[in-house]
Amino acid sequence: EVKVYWPQQTLKVTGYDTSLPVEDIE
């Protein structure tokens, strides 16, 4: 109920094709 400014949270992700260009993965 209380509206607050939620800080950003960081999540680590794996499982994708690492041969793809970095920009494409992002």
mmCIF file of all heavy atoms, coordinates in Angstrom:
data_MODEL
# 
_entry.id   MODEL 
# 
loop_
_atom_site.group_PDB 
_atom_site.id 
_atom_site.type_symbol 
_atom_site.label_atom_id 
_atom_site.label_alt_id 
_atom_site.label_comp_id 
_atom_site.label_asym_id 
_atom_site.label_entity_id 
_atom_site.label_seq_id 
_atom_site.pdbx_PDB_ins_code 
_atom_site.Cartn_x 
_atom_site.Cartn_y 
_atom_site.Cartn_z 
_atom_site.occupancy 
_atom_site.B_iso_or_equiv 
_atom_site.pdbx_formal_charge 
_atom_site.auth_seq_id 
_atom_site.auth_comp_id 
_atom_site.auth_asym_id 
_atom_site.auth_atom_id 
_atom_site.pdbx_PDB_model_num 
ATOM 1   N N   . GLU A 1 1  ? 0.811  -1.218  0.000   1.00 0.00 ? 1  GLU A N   1 
ATOM 2   C CA  . GLU A 1 1  ? 0.000  0.000   0.000   1.00 0.00 ? 1  GLU A CA  1 
ATOM 3   C C   . GLU A 1 1  ? 0.847  1.272   0.000   1.00 0.00 ? 1  GLU A C   1 
ATOM 4   O O   . GLU A 1 1  ? 0.521  2.251   -0.631  1.00 0.00 ? 1  GLU A O   1 
ATOM 5   C CB  . GLU A 1 1  ? -0.934 0.008   1.215   1.00 0.00 ? 1  GLU A CB  1 
ATOM 6   C CG  . GLU A 1 1  ? -2.099 -0.966  1.057   1.00 0.00 ? 1  GLU A CG  1 
ATOM 7   C CD  . GLU A 1 1  ? -2.989 -0.989  2.282   1.00 0.00 ? 1  GLU A CD  1 
ATOM 8   O OE1 . GLU A 1 1  ? -2.690 -0.250  3.241   1.00 0.00 ? 1  GLU A OE1 1 
ATOM 9   O OE2 . GLU A 1 1  ? -3.976 -1.739  2.271   1.00 0.00 ? 1  GLU A OE2 1 
ATOM 10  N N   . VAL A 1 2  ? 1.939  1.253   0.741   1.00 0.00 ? 2  VAL A N   1 
ATOM 11  C CA  . VAL A 1 2  ? 2.792  2.439   0.833   1.00 0.00 ? 2  VAL A CA  1 
ATOM 12  C C   . VAL A 1 2  ? 3.615  2.562   -0.440  1.00 0.00 ? 2  VAL A C   1 
ATOM 13  O O   . VAL A 1 2  ? 4.318  1.641   -0.826  1.00 0.00 ? 2  VAL A O   1 
ATOM 14  C CB  . VAL A 1 2  ? 3.745  2.338   2.043   1.00 0.00 ? 2  VAL A CB  1 
ATOM 15  C CG1 . VAL A 1 2  ? 4.622  3.587   2.122   1.00 0.00 ? 2  VAL A CG1 1 
ATOM 16  C CG2 . VAL A 1 2  ? 2.933  2.188   3.316   1.00 0.00 ? 2  VAL A CG2 1 
ATOM 17  N N   . LYS A 1 3  ? 3.497  3.702   -1.089  1.00 0.00 ? 3  LYS A N   1 
ATOM 18  C CA  . LYS A 1 3  ? 4.241  3.920   -2.325  1.00 0.00 ? 3  LYS A CA  1 
ATOM 19  C C   . LYS A 1 3  ? 5.644  4.412   -1.986  1.00 0.00 ? 3  LYS A C   1 
ATOM 20  O O   . LYS A 1 3  ? 5.817  5.480   -1.440  1.00 0.00 ? 3  LYS A O   1 
ATOM 21  C CB  . LYS A 1 3  ? 3.522  4.937   -3.210  1.00 0.00 ? 3  LYS A CB  1 
ATOM 22  C CG  . LYS A 1 3  ? 2.195  4.424   -3.759  1.00 0.00 ? 3  LYS A CG  1 
ATOM 23  C CD  . LYS A 1 3  ? 1.547  5.437   -4.669  1.00 0.00 ? 3  LYS A CD  1 
ATOM 24  C CE  . LYS A 1 3  ? 0.237  4.892   -5.226  1.00 0.00 ? 3  LYS A CE  1 
ATOM 25  N NZ  . LYS A 1 3  ? -0.422 5.874   -6.111  1.00 0.00 ? 3  LYS A NZ  1 
ATOM 26  N N   . VAL A 1 4  ? 6.627  3.605   -2.297  1.00 0.00 ? 4  VAL A N   1 
ATOM 27  C CA  . VAL A 1 4  ? 8.011  3.989   -2.032  1.00 0.00 ? 4  VAL A CA  1 
ATOM 28  C C   . VAL A 1 4  ? 8.808  3.836   -3.320  1.00 0.00 ? 4  VAL A C   1 
ATOM 29  O O   . VAL A 1 4  ? 8.369  3.184   -4.267  1.00 0.00 ? 4  VAL A O   1 
ATOM 30  C CB  . VAL A 1 4  ? 8.650  3.104   -0.938  1.00 0.00 ? 4  VAL A CB  1 
ATOM 31  C CG1 . VAL A 1 4  ? 7.964  3.298   0.375   1.00 0.00 ? 4  VAL A CG1 1 
ATOM 32  C CG2 . VAL A 1 4  ? 8.640  1.638   -1.348  1.00 0.00 ? 4  VAL A CG2 1 
ATOM 33  N N   . TYR A 1 5  ? 9.961  4.468   -3.346  1.00 0.00 ? 5  TYR A N   1 
ATOM 34  C CA  . TYR A 1 5  ? 10.829 4.344   -4.510  1.00 0.00 ? 5  TYR A CA  1 
ATOM 35  C C   . TYR A 1 5  ? 11.678 3.093   -4.333  1.00 0.00 ? 5  TYR A C   1 
ATOM 36  O O   . TYR A 1 5  ? 12.584 3.063   -3.515  1.00 0.00 ? 5  TYR A O   1 
ATOM 37  C CB  . TYR A 1 5  ? 11.732 5.578   -4.619  1.00 0.00 ? 5  TYR A CB  1 
ATOM 38  C CG  . TYR A 1 5  ? 12.668 5.517   -5.797  1.00 0.00 ? 5  TYR A CG  1 
ATOM 39  C CD1 . TYR A 1 5  ? 12.192 5.737   -7.084  1.00 0.00 ? 5  TYR A CD1 1 
ATOM 40  C CD2 . TYR A 1 5  ? 14.019 5.202   -5.630  1.00 0.00 ? 5  TYR A CD2 1 
ATOM 41  C CE1 . TYR A 1 5  ? 13.035 5.674   -8.170  1.00 0.00 ? 5  TYR A CE1 1 
ATOM 42  C CE2 . TYR A 1 5  ? 14.868 5.136   -6.714  1.00 0.00 ? 5  TYR A CE2 1 
ATOM 43  C CZ  . TYR A 1 5  ? 14.372 5.373   -7.981  1.00 0.00 ? 5  TYR A CZ  1 
ATOM 44  O OH  . TYR A 1 5  ? 15.210 5.302   -9.059  1.00 0.00 ? 5  TYR A OH  1 
ATOM 45  N N   . TRP A 1 6  ? 11.347 2.043   -5.074  1.00 0.00 ? 6  TRP A N   1 
ATOM 46  C CA  . TRP A 1 6  ? 12.060 0.784   -4.915  1.00 0.00 ? 6  TRP A CA  1 
ATOM 47  C C   . TRP A 1 6  ? 13.438 0.862   -5.554  1.00 0.00 ? 6  TRP A C   1 
ATOM 48  O O   . TRP A 1 6  ? 13.573 1.188   -6.730  1.00 0.00 ? 6  TRP A O   1 
ATOM 49  C CB  . TRP A 1 6  ? 11.276 -0.350  -5.585  1.00 0.00 ? 6  TRP A CB  1 
ATOM 50  C CG  . TRP A 1 6  ? 9.968  -0.635  -4.952  1.00 0.00 ? 6  TRP A CG  1 
ATOM 51  C CD1 . TRP A 1 6  ? 8.742  -0.300  -5.428  1.00 0.00 ? 6  TRP A CD1 1 
ATOM 52  C CD2 . TRP A 1 6  ? 9.743  -1.316  -3.710  1.00 0.00 ? 6  TRP A CD2 1 
ATOM 53  N NE1 . TRP A 1 6  ? 7.756  -0.722  -4.568  1.00 0.00 ? 6  TRP A NE1 1 
ATOM 54  C CE2 . TRP A 1 6  ? 8.340  -1.353  -3.507  1.00 0.00 ? 6  TRP A CE2 1 
ATOM 55  C CE3 . TRP A 1 6  ? 10.584 -1.890  -2.764  1.00 0.00 ? 6  TRP A CE3 1 
ATOM 56  C CZ2 . TRP A 1 6  ? 7.771  -1.941  -2.387  1.00 0.00 ? 6  TRP A CZ2 1 
ATOM 57  C CZ3 . TRP A 1 6  ? 10.013 -2.484  -1.654  1.00 0.00 ? 6  TRP A CZ3 1 
ATOM 58  C CH2 . TRP A 1 6  ? 8.624  -2.506  -1.476  1.00 0.00 ? 6  TRP A CH2 1 
ATOM 59  N N   . PRO A 1 7  ? 14.484 0.542   -4.805  1.00 0.00 ? 7  PRO A N   1 
ATOM 60  C CA  . PRO A 1 7  ? 15.830 0.520   -5.402  1.00 0.00 ? 7  PRO A CA  1 
ATOM 61  C C   . PRO A 1 7  ? 15.918 -0.606  -6.429  1.00 0.00 ? 7  PRO A C   1 
ATOM 62  O O   . PRO A 1 7  ? 15.170 -1.584  -6.358  1.00 0.00 ? 7  PRO A O   1 
ATOM 63  C CB  . PRO A 1 7  ? 16.747 0.236   -4.204  1.00 0.00 ? 7  PRO A CB  1 
ATOM 64  C CG  . PRO A 1 7  ? 15.928 0.545   -3.000  1.00 0.00 ? 7  PRO A CG  1 
ATOM 65  C CD  . PRO A 1 7  ? 14.523 0.242   -3.380  1.00 0.00 ? 7  PRO A CD  1 
ATOM 66  N N   . GLN A 1 8  ? 16.826 -0.469  -7.353  1.00 0.00 ? 8  GLN A N   1 
ATOM 67  C CA  . GLN A 1 8  ? 17.025 -1.493  -8.372  1.00 0.00 ? 8  GLN A CA  1 
ATOM 68  C C   . GLN A 1 8  ? 17.652 -2.744  -7.765  1.00 0.00 ? 8  GLN A C   1 
ATOM 69  O O   . GLN A 1 8  ? 18.465 -2.659  -6.859  1.00 0.00 ? 8  GLN A O   1 
ATOM 70  C CB  . GLN A 1 8  ? 17.938 -0.930  -9.458  1.00 0.00 ? 8  GLN A CB  1 
ATOM 71  C CG  . GLN A 1 8  ? 18.621 -1.971  -10.305 1.00 0.00 ? 8  GLN A CG  1 
ATOM 72  C CD  . GLN A 1 8  ? 20.098 -1.702  -10.389 1.00 0.00 ? 8  GLN A CD  1 
ATOM 73  O OE1 . GLN A 1 8  ? 20.512 -0.580  -10.613 1.00 0.00 ? 8  GLN A OE1 1 
ATOM 74  N NE2 . GLN A 1 8  ? 20.909 -2.720  -10.195 1.00 0.00 ? 8  GLN A NE2 1 
ATOM 75  N N   . GLN A 1 9  ? 17.233 -3.897  -8.254  1.00 0.00 ? 9  GLN A N   1 
ATOM 76  C CA  . GLN A 1 9  ? 17.845 -5.147  -7.835  1.00 0.00 ? 9  GLN A CA  1 
ATOM 77  C C   . GLN A 1 9  ? 18.490 -5.832  -9.021  1.00 0.00 ? 9  GLN A C   1 
ATOM 78  O O   . GLN A 1 9  ? 17.986 -5.757  -10.150 1.00 0.00 ? 9  GLN A O   1 
ATOM 79  C CB  . GLN A 1 9  ? 16.812 -6.072  -7.174  1.00 0.00 ? 9  GLN A CB  1 
ATOM 80  C CG  . GLN A 1 9  ? 16.483 -5.624  -5.753  1.00 0.00 ? 9  GLN A CG  1 
ATOM 81  C CD  . GLN A 1 9  ? 15.696 -6.674  -4.999  1.00 0.00 ? 9  GLN A CD  1 
ATOM 82  O OE1 . GLN A 1 9  ? 14.490 -6.607  -4.924  1.00 0.00 ? 9  GLN A OE1 1 
ATOM 83  N NE2 . GLN A 1 9  ? 16.392 -7.638  -4.418  1.00 0.00 ? 9  GLN A NE2 1 
ATOM 84  N N   . THR A 1 10 ? 19.615 -6.493  -8.757  1.00 0.00 ? 10 THR A N   1 
ATOM 85  C CA  . THR A 1 10 ? 20.400 -7.124  -9.819  1.00 0.00 ? 10 THR A CA  1 
ATOM 86  C C   . THR A 1 10 ? 20.246 -8.633  -9.784  1.00 0.00 ? 10 THR A C   1 
ATOM 87  O O   . THR A 1 10 ? 20.351 -9.240  -8.724  1.00 0.00 ? 10 THR A O   1 
ATOM 88  C CB  . THR A 1 10 ? 21.884 -6.753  -9.659  1.00 0.00 ? 10 THR A CB  1 
ATOM 89  O OG1 . THR A 1 10 ? 22.013 -5.330  -9.667  1.00 0.00 ? 10 THR A OG1 1 
ATOM 90  C CG2 . THR A 1 10 ? 22.713 -7.329  -10.798 1.00 0.00 ? 10 THR A CG2 1 
ATOM 91  N N   . LEU A 1 11 ? 19.981 -9.222  -10.949 1.00 0.00 ? 11 LEU A N   1 
ATOM 92  C CA  . LEU A 1 11 ? 19.812 -10.669 -11.071 1.00 0.00 ? 11 LEU A CA  1 
ATOM 93  C C   . LEU A 1 11 ? 20.849 -11.209 -12.041 1.00 0.00 ? 11 LEU A C   1 
ATOM 94  O O   . LEU A 1 11 ? 21.081 -10.620 -13.110 1.00 0.00 ? 11 LEU A O   1 
ATOM 95  C CB  . LEU A 1 11 ? 18.415 -11.013 -11.588 1.00 0.00 ? 11 LEU A CB  1 
ATOM 96  C CG  . LEU A 1 11 ? 17.209 -10.840 -10.658 1.00 0.00 ? 11 LEU A CG  1 
ATOM 97  C CD1 . LEU A 1 11 ? 16.944 -9.374  -10.355 1.00 0.00 ? 11 LEU A CD1 1 
ATOM 98  C CD2 . LEU A 1 11 ? 15.963 -11.442 -11.290 1.00 0.00 ? 11 LEU A CD2 1 
ATOM 99  N N   . LYS A 1 12 ? 21.476 -12.315 -11.683 1.00 0.00 ? 12 LYS A N   1 
ATOM 100 C CA  . LYS A 1 12 ? 22.458 -12.945 -12.556 1.00 0.00 ? 12 LYS A CA  1 
ATOM 101 C C   . LYS A 1 12 ? 21.756 -13.975 -13.432 1.00 0.00 ? 12 LYS A C   1 
ATOM 102 O O   . LYS A 1 12 ? 20.923 -14.745 -12.955 1.00 0.00 ? 12 LYS A O   1 
ATOM 103 C CB  . LYS A 1 12 ? 23.553 -13.613 -11.722 1.00 0.00 ? 12 LYS A CB  1 
ATOM 104 C CG  . LYS A 1 12 ? 24.700 -14.150 -12.561 1.00 0.00 ? 12 LYS A CG  1 
ATOM 105 C CD  . LYS A 1 12 ? 25.801 -14.705 -11.664 1.00 0.00 ? 12 LYS A CD  1 
ATOM 106 C CE  . LYS A 1 12 ? 26.958 -15.235 -12.501 1.00 0.00 ? 12 LYS A CE  1 
ATOM 107 N NZ  . LYS A 1 12 ? 28.033 -15.787 -11.648 1.00 0.00 ? 12 LYS A NZ  1 
ATOM 108 N N   . VAL A 1 13 ? 22.093 -13.983 -14.721 1.00 0.00 ? 13 VAL A N   1 
ATOM 109 C CA  . VAL A 1 13 ? 21.414 -14.859 -15.682 1.00 0.00 ? 13 VAL A CA  1 
ATOM 110 C C   . VAL A 1 13 ? 22.432 -15.671 -16.481 1.00 0.00 ? 13 VAL A C   1 
ATOM 111 O O   . VAL A 1 13 ? 23.481 -15.159 -16.880 1.00 0.00 ? 13 VAL A O   1 
ATOM 112 C CB  . VAL A 1 13 ? 20.555 -14.028 -16.657 1.00 0.00 ? 13 VAL A CB  1 
ATOM 113 C CG1 . VAL A 1 13 ? 19.813 -14.939 -17.634 1.00 0.00 ? 13 VAL A CG1 1 
ATOM 114 C CG2 . VAL A 1 13 ? 19.559 -13.165 -15.895 1.00 0.00 ? 13 VAL A CG2 1 
ATOM 115 N N   . THR A 1 14 ? 22.116 -16.947 -16.720 1.00 0.00 ? 14 THR A N   1 
ATOM 116 C CA  . THR A 1 14 ? 22.963 -17.813 -17.560 1.00 0.00 ? 14 THR A CA  1 
ATOM 117 C C   . THR A 1 14 ? 22.060 -18.584 -18.511 1.00 0.00 ? 14 THR A C   1 
ATOM 118 O O   . THR A 1 14 ? 20.838 -18.416 -18.503 1.00 0.00 ? 14 THR A O   1 
ATOM 119 C CB  . THR A 1 14 ? 23.761 -18.819 -16.708 1.00 0.00 ? 14 THR A CB  1 
ATOM 120 O OG1 . THR A 1 14 ? 22.832 -19.672 -16.003 1.00 0.00 ? 14 THR A OG1 1 
ATOM 121 C CG2 . THR A 1 14 ? 24.659 -18.119 -15.709 1.00 0.00 ? 14 THR A CG2 1 
ATOM 122 N N   . GLY A 1 15 ? 22.670 -19.461 -19.309 1.00 0.00 ? 15 GLY A N   1 
ATOM 123 C CA  . GLY A 1 15 ? 21.886 -20.363 -20.152 1.00 0.00 ? 15 GLY A CA  1 
ATOM 124 C C   . GLY A 1 15 ? 21.750 -19.947 -21.595 1.00 0.00 ? 15 GLY A C   1 
ATOM 125 O O   . GLY A 1 15 ? 21.215 -20.697 -22.413 1.00 0.00 ? 15 GLY A O   1 
ATOM 126 N N   . TYR A 1 16 ? 22.215 -18.772 -21.969 1.00 0.00 ? 16 TYR A N   1 
ATOM 127 C CA  . TYR A 1 16 ? 22.078 -18.284 -23.339 1.00 0.00 ? 16 TYR A CA  1 
ATOM 128 C C   . TYR A 1 16 ? 23.286 -18.700 -24.172 1.00 0.00 ? 16 TYR A C   1 
ATOM 129 O O   . TYR A 1 16 ? 24.281 -19.217 -23.669 1.00 0.00 ? 16 TYR A O   1 
ATOM 130 C CB  . TYR A 1 16 ? 21.952 -16.754 -23.335 1.00 0.00 ? 16 TYR A CB  1 
ATOM 131 C CG  . TYR A 1 16 ? 22.961 -16.107 -22.434 1.00 0.00 ? 16 TYR A CG  1 
ATOM 132 C CD1 . TYR A 1 16 ? 24.249 -15.844 -22.867 1.00 0.00 ? 16 TYR A CD1 1 
ATOM 133 C CD2 . TYR A 1 16 ? 22.639 -15.813 -21.110 1.00 0.00 ? 16 TYR A CD2 1 
ATOM 134 C CE1 . TYR A 1 16 ? 25.191 -15.295 -22.025 1.00 0.00 ? 16 TYR A CE1 1 
ATOM 135 C CE2 . TYR A 1 16 ? 23.575 -15.268 -20.254 1.00 0.00 ? 16 TYR A CE2 1 
ATOM 136 C CZ  . TYR A 1 16 ? 24.858 -15.016 -20.718 1.00 0.00 ? 16 TYR A CZ  1 
ATOM 137 O OH  . TYR A 1 16 ? 25.790 -14.478 -19.875 1.00 0.00 ? 16 TYR A OH  1 
ATOM 138 N N   . ASP A 1 17 ? 23.221 -18.418 -25.465 1.00 0.00 ? 17 ASP A N   1 
ATOM 139 C CA  . ASP A 1 17 ? 24.306 -18.743 -26.386 1.00 0.00 ? 17 ASP A CA  1 
ATOM 140 C C   . ASP A 1 17 ? 25.416 -17.700 -26.235 1.00 0.00 ? 17 ASP A C   1 
ATOM 141 O O   . ASP A 1 17 ? 25.276 -16.554 -26.646 1.00 0.00 ? 17 ASP A O   1 
ATOM 142 C CB  . ASP A 1 17 ? 23.764 -18.748 -27.824 1.00 0.00 ? 17 ASP A CB  1 
ATOM 143 C CG  . ASP A 1 17 ? 24.815 -19.165 -28.838 1.00 0.00 ? 17 ASP A CG  1 
ATOM 144 O OD1 . ASP A 1 17 ? 25.976 -19.394 -28.435 1.00 0.00 ? 17 ASP A OD1 1 
ATOM 145 O OD2 . ASP A 1 17 ? 24.476 -19.257 -30.038 1.00 0.00 ? 17 ASP A OD2 1 
ATOM 146 N N   . THR A 1 18 ? 26.534 -18.113 -25.648 1.00 0.00 ? 18 THR A N   1 
ATOM 147 C CA  . THR A 1 18 ? 27.628 -17.162 -25.388 1.00 0.00 ? 18 THR A CA  1 
ATOM 148 C C   . THR A 1 18 ? 28.388 -16.763 -26.654 1.00 0.00 ? 18 THR A C   1 
ATOM 149 O O   . THR A 1 18 ? 29.248 -15.882 -26.603 1.00 0.00 ? 18 THR A O   1 
ATOM 150 C CB  . THR A 1 18 ? 28.633 -17.757 -24.380 1.00 0.00 ? 18 THR A CB  1 
ATOM 151 O OG1 . THR A 1 18 ? 29.106 -19.006 -24.880 1.00 0.00 ? 18 THR A OG1 1 
ATOM 152 C CG2 . THR A 1 18 ? 27.975 -17.962 -23.025 1.00 0.00 ? 18 THR A CG2 1 
ATOM 153 N N   . SER A 1 19 ? 28.078 -17.411 -27.773 1.00 0.00 ? 19 SER A N   1 
ATOM 154 C CA  . SER A 1 19 ? 28.758 -17.042 -29.020 1.00 0.00 ? 19 SER A CA  1 
ATOM 155 C C   . SER A 1 19 ? 28.101 -15.833 -29.682 1.00 0.00 ? 19 SER A C   1 
ATOM 156 O O   . SER A 1 19 ? 28.649 -15.251 -30.617 1.00 0.00 ? 19 SER A O   1 
ATOM 157 C CB  . SER A 1 19 ? 28.749 -18.229 -29.993 1.00 0.00 ? 19 SER A CB  1 
ATOM 158 O OG  . SER A 1 19 ? 27.410 -18.510 -30.418 1.00 0.00 ? 19 SER A OG  1 
ATOM 159 N N   . LEU A 1 20 ? 26.920 -15.453 -29.181 1.00 0.00 ? 20 LEU A N   1 
ATOM 160 C CA  . LEU A 1 20 ? 26.219 -14.293 -29.734 1.00 0.00 ? 20 LEU A CA  1 
ATOM 161 C C   . LEU A 1 20 ? 26.938 -13.002 -29.354 1.00 0.00 ? 20 LEU A C   1 
ATOM 162 O O   . LEU A 1 20 ? 27.595 -12.935 -28.312 1.00 0.00 ? 20 LEU A O   1 
ATOM 163 C CB  . LEU A 1 20 ? 24.787 -14.232 -29.204 1.00 0.00 ? 20 LEU A CB  1 
ATOM 164 C CG  . LEU A 1 20 ? 23.818 -15.337 -29.637 1.00 0.00 ? 20 LEU A CG  1 
ATOM 165 C CD1 . LEU A 1 20 ? 22.509 -15.216 -28.863 1.00 0.00 ? 20 LEU A CD1 1 
ATOM 166 C CD2 . LEU A 1 20 ? 23.546 -15.241 -31.135 1.00 0.00 ? 20 LEU A CD2 1 
ATOM 167 N N   . PRO A 1 21 ? 26.811 -11.955 -30.178 1.00 0.00 ? 21 PRO A N   1 
ATOM 168 C CA  . PRO A 1 21 ? 27.402 -10.659 -29.823 1.00 0.00 ? 21 PRO A CA  1 
ATOM 169 C C   . PRO A 1 21 ? 26.791 -10.146 -28.520 1.00 0.00 ? 21 PRO A C   1 
ATOM 170 O O   . PRO A 1 21 ? 25.607 -10.377 -28.247 1.00 0.00 ? 21 PRO A O   1 
ATOM 171 C CB  . PRO A 1 21 ? 27.008 -9.756  -31.005 1.00 0.00 ? 21 PRO A CB  1 
ATOM 172 C CG  . PRO A 1 21 ? 26.757 -10.699 -32.132 1.00 0.00 ? 21 PRO A CG  1 
ATOM 173 C CD  . PRO A 1 21 ? 26.179 -11.934 -31.496 1.00 0.00 ? 21 PRO A CD  1 
ATOM 174 N N   . VAL A 1 22 ? 27.602 -9.467  -27.711 1.00 0.00 ? 22 VAL A N   1 
ATOM 175 C CA  . VAL A 1 22 ? 27.150 -8.948  -26.423 1.00 0.00 ? 22 VAL A CA  1 
ATOM 176 C C   . VAL A 1 22 ? 25.894 -8.099  -26.566 1.00 0.00 ? 22 VAL A C   1 
ATOM 177 O O   . VAL A 1 22 ? 24.946 -8.223  -25.785 1.00 0.00 ? 22 VAL A O   1 
ATOM 178 C CB  . VAL A 1 22 ? 28.284 -8.125  -25.767 1.00 0.00 ? 22 VAL A CB  1 
ATOM 179 C CG1 . VAL A 1 22 ? 27.746 -7.325  -24.583 1.00 0.00 ? 22 VAL A CG1 1 
ATOM 180 C CG2 . VAL A 1 22 ? 29.400 -9.037  -25.299 1.00 0.00 ? 22 VAL A CG2 1 
ATOM 181 N N   . GLU A 1 23 ? 25.864 -7.234  -27.590 1.00 0.00 ? 23 GLU A N   1 
ATOM 182 C CA  . GLU A 1 23 ? 24.724 -6.344  -27.776 1.00 0.00 ? 23 GLU A CA  1 
ATOM 183 C C   . GLU A 1 23 ? 23.429 -7.123  -28.007 1.00 0.00 ? 23 GLU A C   1 
ATOM 184 O O   . GLU A 1 23 ? 22.372 -6.758  -27.495 1.00 0.00 ? 23 GLU A O   1 
ATOM 185 C CB  . GLU A 1 23 ? 24.958 -5.399  -28.976 1.00 0.00 ? 23 GLU A CB  1 
ATOM 186 C CG  . GLU A 1 23 ? 26.086 -4.402  -28.793 1.00 0.00 ? 23 GLU A CG  1 
ATOM 187 C CD  . GLU A 1 23 ? 27.458 -5.035  -29.005 1.00 0.00 ? 23 GLU A CD  1 
ATOM 188 O OE1 . GLU A 1 23 ? 27.523 -6.213  -29.456 1.00 0.00 ? 23 GLU A OE1 1 
ATOM 189 O OE2 . GLU A 1 23 ? 28.464 -4.368  -28.699 1.00 0.00 ? 23 GLU A OE2 1 
ATOM 190 N N   . ASP A 1 24 ? 23.529 -8.233  -28.758 1.00 0.00 ? 24 ASP A N   1 
ATOM 191 C CA  . ASP A 1 24 ? 22.345 -9.049  -29.043 1.00 0.00 ? 24 ASP A CA  1 
ATOM 192 C C   . ASP A 1 24 ? 21.819 -9.713  -27.774 1.00 0.00 ? 24 ASP A C   1 
ATOM 193 O O   . ASP A 1 24 ? 20.603 -9.803  -27.562 1.00 0.00 ? 24 ASP A O   1 
ATOM 194 C CB  . ASP A 1 24 ? 22.671 -10.122 -30.090 1.00 0.00 ? 24 ASP A CB  1 
ATOM 195 C CG  . ASP A 1 24 ? 22.921 -9.526  -31.462 1.00 0.00 ? 24 ASP A CG  1 
ATOM 196 O OD1 . ASP A 1 24 ? 22.662 -8.313  -31.639 1.00 0.00 ? 24 ASP A OD1 1 
ATOM 197 O OD2 . ASP A 1 24 ? 23.379 -10.266 -32.362 1.00 0.00 ? 24 ASP A OD2 1 
ATOM 198 N N   . ILE A 1 25 ? 22.745 -10.199 -26.929 1.00 0.00 ? 25 ILE A N   1 
ATOM 199 C CA  . ILE A 1 25 ? 22.340 -10.852 -25.684 1.00 0.00 ? 25 ILE A CA  1 
ATOM 200 C C   . ILE A 1 25 ? 21.612 -9.850  -24.791 1.00 0.00 ? 25 ILE A C   1 
ATOM 201 O O   . ILE A 1 25 ? 20.572 -10.159 -24.193 1.00 0.00 ? 25 ILE A O   1 
ATOM 202 C CB  . ILE A 1 25 ? 23.554 -11.428 -24.930 1.00 0.00 ? 25 ILE A CB  1 
ATOM 203 C CG1 . ILE A 1 25 ? 24.220 -12.524 -25.764 1.00 0.00 ? 25 ILE A CG1 1 
ATOM 204 C CG2 . ILE A 1 25 ? 23.129 -11.996 -23.572 1.00 0.00 ? 25 ILE A CG2 1 
ATOM 205 C CD1 . ILE A 1 25 ? 25.511 -13.057 -25.160 1.00 0.00 ? 25 ILE A CD1 1 
ATOM 206 N N   . GLU A 1 26 ? 22.141 -8.635  -24.710 1.00 0.00 ? 26 GLU A N   1 
ATOM 207 C CA  . GLU A 1 26 ? 21.522 -7.600  -23.873 1.00 0.00 ? 26 GLU A CA  1 
ATOM 208 C C   . GLU A 1 26 ? 20.112 -7.273  -24.346 1.00 0.00 ? 26 GLU A C   1 
ATOM 209 O O   . GLU A 1 26 ? 19.179 -7.152  -23.540 1.00 0.00 ? 26 GLU A O   1 
ATOM 210 C CB  . GLU A 1 26 ? 22.381 -6.332  -23.883 1.00 0.00 ? 26 GLU A CB  1 
ATOM 211 C CG  . GLU A 1 26 ? 23.667 -6.477  -23.109 1.00 0.00 ? 26 GLU A CG  1 
ATOM 212 C CD  . GLU A 1 26 ? 24.518 -5.216  -23.119 1.00 0.00 ? 26 GLU A CD  1 
ATOM 213 O OE1 . GLU A 1 26 ? 24.279 -4.357  -23.987 1.00 0.00 ? 26 GLU A OE1 1 
ATOM 214 O OE2 . GLU A 1 26 ? 25.398 -5.100  -22.249 1.00 0.00 ? 26 GLU A OE2 1 
# 
